[in-house]
Amino acid sequence: MGIKEEKALIRQEIRARRSALTDTMLLKIGKDIPDLIFSVDDPDLEAKLGSAKTVALYRSTQGELPVDELAKALIKKGIRVCFPKIENGGMNFYYCPSLEGKYFAEGAYGIAEPAEGLEKAEPADIDIAVIPAIAYNEEGTRLGQGGGYYDKFFAQTDALLVGICYDFQICSELPFEEHDLTVDILLPVMTEDYEE
């Protein structure tokens, strides 16, 4: 089996496991994410959080780990948040002052993306990026959806890359290629703590 087939199988398995998570579980996990991020005992993350002006996030879809509450907590602290938008064959990030519906529109792949007319975030301005994934290995190497958007965009930044994921998204035997993104900090959420 080739690397593409291996990746496809892992994507299929993880998506199935994510779809089994209930709305109640997702709500509880989402509420705990700000505490998880702000209480991590990691000097690099603590230092970056102390001085960060811009944090890149994502809008979760199809059972992805929800980060809306983290966005709200960062905005409350006066930190600007930006979200991805697929355009011109690549990905850019745009600042959103809040999560109000008027700042978002349905974009590529049915995911909420920043609406027209918002200010673009330059790659060099992003201090921390919270990255979604299908899976990670223990070293933080990421398996994404397959479009390569995150790999290409974050190759041009010095942002501290944070991967937050469900525990079942960590795969020791994850197949990866040279261009696959590796995060600096990996924070797994134990789903058994949220089982109903």
Protein backbone atom coordinates (compact mmCIF):
# COMPACT_ATOMS: atom_id res chain seq x y z
CA MET A 1 0.00 0.00 0.00
CA GLY A 2 1.34 3.44 -0.96
CA ILE A 3 1.58 6.48 1.30
CA LYS A 4 -1.47 8.14 -0.33
CA GLU A 5 -3.61 5.05 0.32
CA GLU A 6 -2.39 4.86 3.93
CA LYS A 7 -3.27 8.51 4.48
CA ALA A 8 -6.71 7.98 2.91
CA LEU A 9 -7.45 5.09 5.29
CA ILE A 10 -6.43 7.11 8.35
CA ARG A 11 -8.57 10.04 7.20
CA GLN A 12 -11.56 7.73 6.79
CA GLU A 13 -11.08 6.15 10.24
CA ILE A 14 -10.57 9.45 12.12
CA ARG A 15 -13.53 11.11 10.42
CA ALA A 16 -15.71 8.18 11.48
CA ARG A 17 -14.52 8.48 15.08
CA ARG A 18 -15.09 12.24 15.10
CA SER A 19 -18.61 11.83 13.76
CA ALA A 20 -19.39 9.59 16.76
CA LEU A 21 -18.77 12.47 19.20
CA THR A 22 -22.02 13.94 20.48
CA ASP A 23 -22.94 17.64 20.40
CA THR A 24 -22.91 17.63 24.21
CA MET A 25 -19.34 16.29 24.28
CA LEU A 26 -18.20 18.87 21.71
CA LEU A 27 -19.79 21.67 23.72
CA LYS A 28 -18.05 20.57 26.94
CA ILE A 29 -14.69 20.11 25.22
CA GLY A 30 -14.98 23.50 23.52
CA LYS A 31 -15.65 25.21 26.89
CA ASP A 32 -12.48 23.66 28.35
CA ILE A 33 -10.12 24.58 25.50
CA PRO A 34 -9.23 28.10 26.77
CA ASP A 35 -8.20 26.66 30.16
CA LEU A 36 -6.19 23.94 28.40
CA ILE A 37 -4.26 26.50 26.34
CA PHE A 38 -3.73 29.05 29.11
CA SER A 39 -2.62 26.49 31.71
CA VAL A 40 -0.12 24.52 29.61
CA ASP A 41 3.22 24.22 31.39
CA ASP A 42 5.34 25.15 28.39
CA PRO A 43 7.69 28.15 28.60
CA ASP A 44 7.55 28.85 24.84
CA LEU A 45 3.74 28.93 24.78
CA GLU A 46 3.57 30.95 28.02
CA ALA A 47 6.01 33.52 26.65
CA LYS A 48 4.22 33.76 23.31
CA LEU A 49 0.80 34.06 24.97
CA GLY A 50 2.17 36.83 27.18
CA SER A 51 3.23 38.93 24.21
CA ALA A 52 0.97 37.70 21.37
CA LYS A 53 -0.85 40.28 19.29
CA THR A 54 -2.29 37.86 16.70
CA VAL A 55 -3.45 34.25 16.95
CA ALA A 56 -4.55 32.23 13.92
CA LEU A 57 -7.46 29.85 14.53
CA TYR A 58 -9.95 27.88 12.44
CA ARG A 59 -13.71 27.35 12.32
CA SER A 60 -14.38 23.74 13.20
CA THR A 61 -16.45 21.47 10.99
CA GLN A 62 -17.44 17.79 10.92
CA GLY A 63 -16.50 17.06 14.53
CA GLU A 64 -13.17 18.91 14.52
CA LEU A 65 -12.04 20.04 17.94
CA PRO A 66 -14.03 23.25 18.58
CA VAL A 67 -12.03 26.44 19.27
CA ASP A 68 -14.76 29.13 19.25
CA GLU A 69 -14.53 29.59 23.04
CA LEU A 70 -10.78 30.02 22.71
CA ALA A 71 -11.36 32.72 20.08
CA LYS A 72 -13.73 34.56 22.45
CA ALA A 73 -11.24 34.31 25.34
CA LEU A 74 -8.41 35.67 23.20
CA ILE A 75 -10.56 38.57 21.93
CA LYS A 76 -11.44 39.39 25.56
CA LYS A 77 -7.72 39.60 26.33
CA GLY A 78 -7.25 42.09 23.49
CA ILE A 79 -5.52 39.61 21.18
CA ARG A 80 -6.53 39.74 17.52
CA VAL A 81 -7.73 36.51 15.97
CA CYS A 82 -7.65 35.59 12.31
CA PHE A 83 -9.19 32.75 10.33
CA PRO A 84 -8.34 31.01 7.06
CA LYS A 85 -9.89 31.61 3.69
CA ILE A 86 -9.18 29.56 0.57
CA GLU A 87 -8.66 31.84 -2.42
CA ASN A 88 -6.64 31.91 -5.64
CA GLY A 89 -5.48 28.35 -5.14
CA GLY A 90 -3.99 29.07 -1.72
CA MET A 91 -4.91 30.04 1.83
CA ASN A 92 -4.85 33.47 3.49
CA PHE A 93 -5.91 34.58 6.97
CA TYR A 94 -8.20 37.51 7.78
CA TYR A 95 -8.86 39.30 11.06
CA CYS A 96 -12.34 38.88 12.53
CA PRO A 97 -13.27 41.16 15.45
CA SER A 98 -15.80 38.63 16.76
CA LEU A 99 -17.53 35.38 15.83
CA GLU A 100 -20.72 37.19 14.80
CA GLY A 101 -22.27 35.76 11.67
CA LYS A 102 -21.78 38.94 9.67
CA TYR A 103 -18.01 38.41 9.70
CA PHE A 104 -18.25 34.97 8.10
CA ALA A 105 -19.66 33.40 4.95
CA GLU A 106 -19.79 29.84 3.70
CA GLY A 107 -16.58 29.22 1.82
CA ALA A 108 -14.61 26.41 0.28
CA TYR A 109 -15.68 22.92 1.35
CA GLY A 110 -18.72 24.34 3.18
CA ILE A 111 -16.57 25.77 6.00
CA ALA A 112 -17.24 29.22 7.50
CA GLU A 113 -14.64 31.64 6.16
CA PRO A 114 -14.01 35.36 6.77
CA ALA A 115 -16.43 37.53 4.80
CA GLU A 116 -15.39 40.01 2.12
CA GLY A 117 -13.83 43.32 3.15
CA LEU A 118 -11.95 42.19 6.26
CA GLU A 119 -8.29 43.05 6.89
CA LYS A 120 -5.77 40.46 5.76
CA ALA A 121 -3.27 39.12 8.31
CA GLU A 122 0.28 38.99 7.00
CA PRO A 123 2.11 35.71 7.70
CA ALA A 124 4.83 37.56 9.64
CA ASP A 125 2.22 39.09 12.00
CA ILE A 126 0.92 35.75 13.29
CA ASP A 127 2.45 34.96 16.69
CA ILE A 128 0.62 31.70 17.47
CA ALA A 129 -1.36 29.40 15.21
CA VAL A 130 -3.75 26.72 16.46
CA ILE A 131 -3.77 24.15 13.68
CA PRO A 132 -6.52 21.63 12.88
CA ALA A 133 -5.61 18.16 11.64
CA ILE A 134 -6.91 14.73 10.84
CA ALA A 135 -4.05 13.15 12.82
CA TYR A 136 -0.62 13.76 14.35
CA ASN A 137 2.21 11.49 15.36
CA GLU A 138 3.87 11.91 18.77
CA GLU A 139 6.46 14.28 17.28
CA GLY A 140 3.70 16.63 16.09
CA THR A 141 3.90 15.87 12.37
CA ARG A 142 0.47 16.55 10.91
CA LEU A 143 -1.85 14.78 8.51
CA GLY A 144 -4.30 17.31 7.10
CA GLN A 145 -7.28 17.07 4.77
CA GLY A 146 -5.00 16.64 1.76
CA GLY A 147 -5.05 20.09 0.16
CA GLY A 148 -1.64 21.20 1.47
CA TYR A 149 -2.95 24.67 2.36
CA TYR A 150 -1.64 24.72 5.94
CA ASP A 151 1.71 23.18 4.93
CA LYS A 152 2.31 25.92 2.35
CA PHE A 153 1.04 28.87 4.40
CA PHE A 154 2.89 28.10 7.64
CA ALA A 155 6.14 27.33 5.84
CA GLN A 156 6.38 31.14 5.46
CA THR A 157 5.81 32.13 9.11
CA ASP A 158 7.70 32.03 12.41
CA ALA A 159 4.48 31.48 14.36
CA LEU A 160 4.47 29.07 17.27
CA LEU A 161 2.38 26.18 15.93
CA VAL A 162 0.01 24.50 18.37
CA GLY A 163 -1.85 21.30 17.53
CA ILE A 164 -4.85 20.50 19.69
CA CYS A 165 -6.60 17.24 18.95
CA TYR A 166 -8.57 14.36 20.41
CA ASP A 167 -6.46 11.59 21.92
CA PHE A 168 -7.55 9.17 19.17
CA GLN A 169 -6.03 11.47 16.56
CA ILE A 170 -2.49 10.59 17.64
CA CYS A 171 -1.18 7.81 15.39
CA SER A 172 2.28 6.38 16.04
CA GLU A 173 2.54 4.88 12.55
CA LEU A 174 1.44 8.03 10.74
CA PRO A 175 2.80 8.08 7.17
CA PHE A 176 4.24 11.48 6.29
CA GLU A 177 6.13 13.28 3.57
CA GLU A 178 8.84 15.92 3.74
CA HIS A 179 6.41 18.82 3.13
CA ASP A 180 4.00 17.79 5.92
CA LEU A 181 3.77 20.41 8.66
CA THR A 182 5.07 19.67 12.18
CA VAL A 183 3.64 21.63 15.12
CA ASP A 184 5.79 22.90 17.99
CA ILE A 185 3.36 21.88 20.75
CA LEU A 186 0.84 19.04 20.68
CA LEU A 187 -2.05 19.07 23.16
CA PRO A 188 -4.29 15.99 23.11
CA VAL A 189 -7.73 16.11 24.74
CA MET A 190 -8.75 12.90 26.51
CA THR A 191 -12.18 12.10 25.11
CA GLU A 192 -12.93 9.53 27.84
CA ASP A 193 -13.12 12.45 30.29
CA TYR A 194 -16.16 13.69 28.34
CA GLU A 195 -18.02 10.44 27.70
CA GLU A 196 -21.65 10.62 28.77
